[in-house]
PDB file of N, CA and C in Angstrom:
ATOM      1  N   MET A   1       0.472  -1.092  -0.289  1.00  0.00           N
ATOM      2  CA  MET A   1      -0.128   0.106  -0.034  1.00  0.00           C
ATOM      3  C   MET A   1       1.056   1.133  -0.119  1.00  0.00           C
ATOM      4  N   PRO A   2       0.874   1.954  -0.953  1.00  0.00           N
ATOM      5  CA  PRO A   2       1.598   3.572  -0.839  1.00  0.00           C
ATOM      6  C   PRO A   2       1.179   4.382   0.293  1.00  0.00           C
ATOM      7  N   TYR A   3       2.135   4.941   1.079  1.00  0.00           N
ATOM      8  CA  TYR A   3       1.342   5.854   1.515  1.00  0.00           C
ATOM      9  C   TYR A   3       0.725   7.334   1.158  1.00  0.00           C
ATOM     10  N   LYS A   4      -0.272   7.551   2.371  1.00  0.00           N
ATOM     11  CA  LYS A   4      -0.829   8.451   1.812  1.00  0.00           C
ATOM     12  C   LYS A   4      -0.132  10.012   1.882  1.00  0.00           C
ATOM     13  N   GLY A   5      -0.373  10.448   0.848  1.00  0.00           N
ATOM     14  CA  GLY A   5       0.122  11.684   0.347  1.00  0.00           C
ATOM     15  C   GLY A   5       1.430  11.678  -0.128  1.00  0.00           C
ATOM     16  N   SER A   6       1.928  10.581  -0.370  1.00  0.00           N
ATOM     17  CA  SER A   6       3.204  10.112  -1.456  1.00  0.00           C
ATOM     18  C   SER A   6       2.686  10.873  -2.631  1.00  0.00           C
ATOM     19  N   ARG A   7       4.151  10.965  -3.474  1.00  0.00           N
ATOM     20  CA  ARG A   7       4.038  10.778  -5.024  1.00  0.00           C
ATOM     21  C   ARG A   7       3.229   9.772  -5.720  1.00  0.00           C
ATOM     22  N   ILE A   8       3.335   8.597  -5.209  1.00  0.00           N
ATOM     23  CA  ILE A   8       2.298   7.594  -5.625  1.00  0.00           C
ATOM     24  C   ILE A   8       1.160   7.701  -5.717  1.00  0.00           C
ATOM     25  N   THR A   9       0.846   7.877  -4.188  1.00  0.00           N
ATOM     26  CA  THR A   9      -1.052   7.940  -4.376  1.00  0.00           C
ATOM     27  C   THR A   9      -1.506   9.356  -4.563  1.00  0.00           C
ATOM     28  N   GLU A  10      -0.489  10.315  -5.128  1.00  0.00           N
ATOM     29  CA  GLU A  10      -1.135  11.760  -6.122  1.00  0.00           C
ATOM     30  C   GLU A  10      -1.214  11.477  -7.222  1.00  0.00           C
ATOM     31  N   ASP A  11      -0.428  10.260  -7.687  1.00  0.00           N
ATOM     32  CA  ASP A  11      -0.532  10.067  -9.233  1.00  0.00           C
ATOM     33  C   ASP A  11      -0.726   8.692  -9.323  1.00  0.00           C
ATOM     34  N   MET A  12      -1.680   8.151  -9.099  1.00  0.00           N
ATOM     35  CA  MET A  12      -1.496   6.396  -9.004  1.00  0.00           C
ATOM     36  C   MET A  12      -1.785   5.641 -10.662  1.00  0.00           C
ATOM     37  N   ASP A  13      -2.050   6.824 -11.481  1.00  0.00           N
ATOM     38  CA  ASP A  13      -2.316   6.390 -12.718  1.00  0.00           C
ATOM     39  C   ASP A  13      -1.242   6.018 -13.403  1.00  0.00           C
ATOM     40  N   SER A  14       0.084   7.188 -13.247  1.00  0.00           N
ATOM     41  CA  SER A  14       1.159   7.116 -13.570  1.00  0.00           C
ATOM     42  C   SER A  14       1.997   5.799 -13.414  1.00  0.00           C
ATOM     43  N   PHE A  15       1.529   5.089 -11.643  1.00  0.00           N
ATOM     44  CA  PHE A  15       2.291   4.053 -11.443  1.00  0.00           C
ATOM     45  C   PHE A  15       1.513   2.792 -11.922  1.00  0.00           C
ATOM     46  N   ASP A  16       0.550   2.875 -12.394  1.00  0.00           N
ATOM     47  CA  ASP A  16      -0.026   1.557 -12.684  1.00  0.00           C
ATOM     48  C   ASP A  16      -0.642   0.894 -11.277  1.00  0.00           C
ATOM     49  N   ILE A  17      -1.265   1.741 -10.276  1.00  0.00           N
ATOM     50  CA  ILE A  17      -1.974   1.475  -9.071  1.00  0.00           C
ATOM     51  C   ILE A  17      -3.254   1.789  -8.947  1.00  0.00           C
ATOM     52  N   GLN A  18      -4.131   0.609  -8.891  1.00  0.00           N
ATOM     53  CA  GLN A  18      -5.579   0.972  -8.188  1.00  0.00           C
ATOM     54  C   GLN A  18      -5.515   0.481  -6.745  1.00  0.00           C
ATOM     55  N   VAL A  19      -5.870   1.189  -5.906  1.00  0.00           N
ATOM     56  CA  VAL A  19      -6.444   1.069  -5.103  1.00  0.00           C
ATOM     57  C   VAL A  19      -7.854   1.002  -4.365  1.00  0.00           C
ATOM     58  N   ASP A  20      -8.407  -0.450  -4.192  1.00  0.00           N
ATOM     59  CA  ASP A  20      -9.778  -0.592  -3.689  1.00  0.00           C
ATOM     60  C   ASP A  20     -10.481  -0.277  -2.608  1.00  0.00           C
ATOM     61  N   SER A  21      -9.714   0.620  -1.804  1.00  0.00           N
ATOM     62  CA  SER A  21     -10.283   1.013  -0.835  1.00  0.00           C
ATOM     63  C   SER A  21      -9.840   2.358  -0.495  1.00  0.00           C
ATOM     64  N   GLU A  22     -10.915   2.843   0.171  1.00  0.00           N
ATOM     65  CA  GLU A  22     -10.633   4.572   0.453  1.00  0.00           C
ATOM     66  C   GLU A  22      -9.994   4.877   1.464  1.00  0.00           C
ATOM     67  N   SER A  23     -10.322   4.046   2.608  1.00  0.00           N
ATOM     68  CA  SER A  23      -9.882   4.071   4.102  1.00  0.00           C
ATOM     69  C   SER A  23      -8.191   3.580   3.968  1.00  0.00           C
ATOM     70  N   PHE A  24      -7.600   4.337   4.203  1.00  0.00           N
ATOM     71  CA  PHE A  24      -6.359   3.867   4.582  1.00  0.00           C
ATOM     72  C   PHE A  24      -6.047   3.001   6.424  1.00  0.00           C
ATOM     73  N   GLU A  25      -6.939   3.424   6.787  1.00  0.00           N
ATOM     74  CA  GLU A  25      -6.908   3.003   8.420  1.00  0.00           C
ATOM     75  C   GLU A  25      -7.035   1.708   7.963  1.00  0.00           C
ATOM     76  N   ASP A  26      -7.821   0.895   7.465  1.00  0.00           N
ATOM     77  CA  ASP A  26      -8.029  -1.151   7.215  1.00  0.00           C
ATOM     78  C   ASP A  26      -6.466  -1.243   6.476  1.00  0.00           C
ATOM     79  N   ALA A  27      -6.018  -0.314   5.698  1.00  0.00           N
ATOM     80  CA  ALA A  27      -4.946  -0.418   4.715  1.00  0.00           C
ATOM     81  C   ALA A  27      -3.513  -1.403   5.141  1.00  0.00           C
ATOM     82  N   TRP A  28      -3.170  -0.442   6.249  1.00  0.00           N
ATOM     83  CA  TRP A  28      -1.786  -0.611   6.721  1.00  0.00           C
ATOM     84  C   TRP A  28      -2.282  -1.870   8.282  1.00  0.00           C
ATOM     85  N   TYR A  29      -3.708  -3.079   7.975  1.00  0.00           N
ATOM     86  CA  TYR A  29      -3.568  -4.020   8.950  1.00  0.00           C
ATOM     87  C   TYR A  29      -2.579  -4.831   8.571  1.00  0.00           C
ATOM     88  N   LYS A  30      -1.568  -5.643   9.277  1.00  0.00           N
ATOM     89  CA  LYS A  30      -0.233  -6.446   8.660  1.00  0.00           C
ATOM     90  C   LYS A  30      -1.179  -7.795   8.437  1.00  0.00           C
ATOM     91  N   GLY A  31      -1.830  -7.864   9.429  1.00  0.00           N
ATOM     92  CA  GLY A  31      -2.630  -9.304   9.280  1.00  0.00           C
ATOM     93  C   GLY A  31      -1.695 -10.810  10.222  1.00  0.00           C
ATOM     94  N   ILE A  32      -2.606 -11.880   9.989  1.00  0.00           N
ATOM     95  CA  ILE A  32      -1.895 -12.670  10.077  1.00  0.00           C
ATOM     96  C   ILE A  32      -1.447 -14.079   9.127  1.00  0.00           C
ATOM     97  N   PRO A  33      -0.286 -14.463   8.840  1.00  0.00           N
ATOM     98  CA  PRO A  33      -0.196 -15.367   8.147  1.00  0.00           C
ATOM     99  C   PRO A  33      -0.854 -15.881   7.320  1.00  0.00           C
ATOM    100  N   GLY A  34      -1.072 -15.734   6.521  1.00  0.00           N
ATOM    101  CA  GLY A  34      -1.988 -16.771   4.970  1.00  0.00           C
ATOM    102  C   GLY A  34      -3.194 -16.526   5.411  1.00  0.00           C
ATOM    103  N   HIS A  35      -3.756 -15.038   6.198  1.00  0.00           N
ATOM    104  CA  HIS A  35      -4.795 -14.054   5.938  1.00  0.00           C
ATOM    105  C   HIS A  35      -4.567 -12.783   5.258  1.00  0.00           C
ATOM    106  N   TYR A  36      -3.691 -12.393   4.664  1.00  0.00           N
ATOM    107  CA  TYR A  36      -3.376 -10.911   4.688  1.00  0.00           C
ATOM    108  C   TYR A  36      -4.392 -10.209   3.488  1.00  0.00           C
ATOM    109  N   ARG A  37      -4.698  -9.241   3.645  1.00  0.00           N
ATOM    110  CA  ARG A  37      -5.397  -8.288   2.802  1.00  0.00           C
ATOM    111  C   ARG A  37      -4.656  -7.494   1.950  1.00  0.00           C
ATOM    112  N   CYS A  38      -5.246  -7.642   0.924  1.00  0.00           N
ATOM    113  CA  CYS A  38      -4.435  -6.478  -0.144  1.00  0.00           C
ATOM    114  C   CYS A  38      -5.209  -5.294  -0.832  1.00  0.00           C
ATOM    115  N   HIS A  39      -5.361  -4.359  -0.822  1.00  0.00           N
ATOM    116  CA  HIS A  39      -5.919  -3.414  -1.045  1.00  0.00           C
ATOM    117  C   HIS A  39      -5.491  -2.514  -2.553  1.00  0.00           C
ATOM    118  N   VAL A  40      -4.617  -3.246  -2.972  1.00  0.00           N
ATOM    119  CA  VAL A  40      -3.894  -2.596  -4.402  1.00  0.00           C
ATOM    120  C   VAL A  40      -3.906  -3.576  -5.351  1.00  0.00           C
ATOM    121  N   SER A  41      -3.802  -2.962  -6.514  1.00  0.00           N
ATOM    122  CA  SER A  41      -3.829  -3.863  -7.866  1.00  0.00           C
ATOM    123  C   SER A  41      -3.102  -2.946  -8.824  1.00  0.00           C
ATOM    124  N   THR A  42      -2.869  -3.846  -9.998  1.00  0.00           N
ATOM    125  CA  THR A  42      -2.111  -3.273 -11.079  1.00  0.00           C
ATOM    126  C   THR A  42      -2.922  -3.827 -12.226  1.00  0.00           C
ATOM    127  N   SER A  43      -2.312  -3.420 -13.536  1.00  0.00           N
ATOM    128  CA  SER A  43      -2.709  -4.162 -14.555  1.00  0.00           C
ATOM    129  C   SER A  43      -2.267  -5.182 -14.943  1.00  0.00           C
ATOM    130  N   GLY A  44      -0.662  -5.653 -14.249  1.00  0.00           N
ATOM    131  CA  GLY A  44      -0.256  -6.875 -14.447  1.00  0.00           C
ATOM    132  C   GLY A  44      -0.752  -7.846 -13.278  1.00  0.00           C
ATOM    133  N   LEU A  45      -0.951  -7.199 -12.204  1.00  0.00           N
ATOM    134  CA  LEU A  45      -1.171  -8.468 -11.399  1.00  0.00           C
ATOM    135  C   LEU A  45      -2.626  -7.990 -10.013  1.00  0.00           C
ATOM    136  N   SER A  46      -3.418  -8.593  -9.741  1.00  0.00           N
ATOM    137  CA  SER A  46      -4.722  -8.604  -9.104  1.00  0.00           C
ATOM    138  C   SER A  46      -4.113  -8.667  -7.680  1.00  0.00           C
ATOM    139  N   ALA A  47      -4.947  -8.173  -6.317  1.00  0.00           N
ATOM    140  CA  ALA A  47      -4.823  -7.847  -5.248  1.00  0.00           C
ATOM    141  C   ALA A  47      -4.736  -9.384  -4.494  1.00  0.00           C
ATOM    142  N   VAL A  48      -5.178 -10.566  -5.340  1.00  0.00           N
ATOM    143  CA  VAL A  48      -4.771 -12.079  -5.021  1.00  0.00           C
ATOM    144  C   VAL A  48      -3.761 -12.082  -5.340  1.00  0.00           C
ATOM    145  N   GLU A  49      -3.087 -11.994  -6.433  1.00  0.00           N
ATOM    146  CA  GLU A  49      -2.211 -12.448  -6.685  1.00  0.00           C
ATOM    147  C   GLU A  49      -0.888 -11.660  -6.252  1.00  0.00           C
ATOM    148  N   ILE A  50      -0.823 -10.287  -5.611  1.00  0.00           N
ATOM    149  CA  ILE A  50       0.226  -9.763  -4.991  1.00  0.00           C
ATOM    150  C   ILE A  50       0.512 -10.497  -4.006  1.00  0.00           C
ATOM    151  N   VAL A  51      -0.842 -10.687  -2.842  1.00  0.00           N
ATOM    152  CA  VAL A  51      -0.939 -11.616  -1.312  1.00  0.00           C
ATOM    153  C   VAL A  51       0.013 -13.308  -1.861  1.00  0.00           C
ATOM    154  N   GLU A  52      -0.117 -13.715  -3.131  1.00  0.00           N
ATOM    155  CA  GLU A  52       0.233 -14.875  -3.321  1.00  0.00           C
ATOM    156  C   GLU A  52       1.540 -15.135  -3.537  1.00  0.00           C
ATOM    157  N   TRP A  53       1.961 -13.909  -4.374  1.00  0.00           N
ATOM    158  CA  TRP A  53       3.397 -13.189  -4.545  1.00  0.00           C
ATOM    159  C   TRP A  53       4.320 -13.198  -3.228  1.00  0.00           C
ATOM    160  N   ARG A  54       3.745 -11.917  -2.722  1.00  0.00           N
ATOM    161  CA  ARG A  54       4.029 -11.847  -1.372  1.00  0.00           C
ATOM    162  C   ARG A  54       4.479 -13.240  -0.132  1.00  0.00           C
ATOM    163  N   ASP A  55       3.554 -14.043  -0.436  1.00  0.00           N
ATOM    164  CA  ASP A  55       3.814 -15.340   0.935  1.00  0.00           C
ATOM    165  C   ASP A  55       4.481 -16.118  -0.041  1.00  0.00           C
ATOM    166  N   LYS A  56       5.033 -16.468  -1.300  1.00  0.00           N
ATOM    167  CA  LYS A  56       6.063 -17.443  -1.711  1.00  0.00           C
ATOM    168  C   LYS A  56       7.103 -16.645  -1.487  1.00  0.00           C
ATOM    169  N   ILE A  57       7.284 -15.273  -1.468  1.00  0.00           N
ATOM    170  CA  ILE A  57       8.509 -14.829  -1.253  1.00  0.00           C
ATOM    171  C   ILE A  57       8.937 -14.831   0.133  1.00  0.00           C
ATOM    172  N   GLU A  58       8.000 -14.305   1.151  1.00  0.00           N
ATOM    173  CA  GLU A  58       8.306 -14.843   2.522  1.00  0.00           C
ATOM    174  C   GLU A  58       8.647 -16.256   2.519  1.00  0.00           C
ATOM    175  N   ASN A  59       8.259 -17.422   1.823  1.00  0.00           N
ATOM    176  CA  ASN A  59       8.311 -18.570   2.125  1.00  0.00           C
ATOM    177  C   ASN A  59       9.672 -18.773   1.957  1.00  0.00           C
ATOM    178  N   GLU A  60      10.228 -18.239   0.619  1.00  0.00           N
ATOM    179  CA  GLU A  60      11.896 -18.381   0.147  1.00  0.00           C
ATOM    180  C   GLU A  60      12.748 -17.812   0.759  1.00  0.00           C
ATOM    181  N   LEU A  61      12.126 -16.633   1.679  1.00  0.00           N
ATOM    182  CA  LEU A  61      13.299 -15.909   2.429  1.00  0.00           C
ATOM    183  C   LEU A  61      13.474 -16.534   3.794  1.00  0.00           C
ATOM    184  N   GLY A  62      12.165 -17.583   4.227  1.00  0.00           N
ATOM    185  CA  GLY A  62      12.502 -18.178   5.393  1.00  0.00           C
ATOM    186  C   GLY A  62      13.060 -19.674   5.271  1.00  0.00           C
ATOM    187  N   LYS A  63      13.063 -20.363   3.704  1.00  0.00           N
ATOM    188  CA  LYS A  63      14.067 -21.335   3.765  1.00  0.00           C
ATOM    189  C   LYS A  63      15.467 -20.464   3.743  1.00  0.00           C
ATOM    190  N   LEU A  64      15.938 -19.501   3.446  1.00  0.00           N
ATOM    191  CA  LEU A  64      17.346 -19.371   3.007  1.00  0.00           C
ATOM    192  C   LEU A  64      17.603 -18.797   4.455  1.00  0.00           C
ATOM    193  N   ARG A  65      16.556 -18.199   5.360  1.00  0.00           N
ATOM    194  CA  ARG A  65      17.450 -18.161   7.035  1.00  0.00           C
ATOM    195  C   ARG A  65      17.535 -19.215   7.460  1.00  0.00           C
ATOM    196  N   ASN A  66      16.852 -20.169   6.866  1.00  0.00           N
ATOM    197  CA  ASN A  66      16.948 -21.370   8.287  1.00  0.00           C
ATOM    198  C   ASN A  66      17.798 -22.412   7.431  1.00  0.00           C
ATOM    199  N   ARG A  67      18.466 -21.959   6.052  1.00  0.00           N
ATOM    200  CA  ARG A  67      19.497 -22.809   5.513  1.00  0.00           C
ATOM    201  C   ARG A  67      20.624 -23.382   6.803  1.00  0.00           C
ATOM    202  N   ASP A  68      21.276 -24.751   6.852  1.00  0.00           N
ATOM    203  CA  ASP A  68      22.239 -24.831   7.640  1.00  0.00           C
ATOM    204  C   ASP A  68      23.688 -24.471   7.234  1.00  0.00           C
TER     205      ASP A  68
END
């Protein structure tokens, strides 16, 4: 989620970002692993896909951290 008042939120079309919520209060809820909510999408990634990729990256980083 882009920071409210940032250059990105001031010109989301230029950054190809769509936000599905007007409420920034709900947008910063971190959540519980596996239950994240995303309020951002792009023309190439839906909100669901962003969460899926976030989970994949977190899993891969966890594997790297836990290597012997």
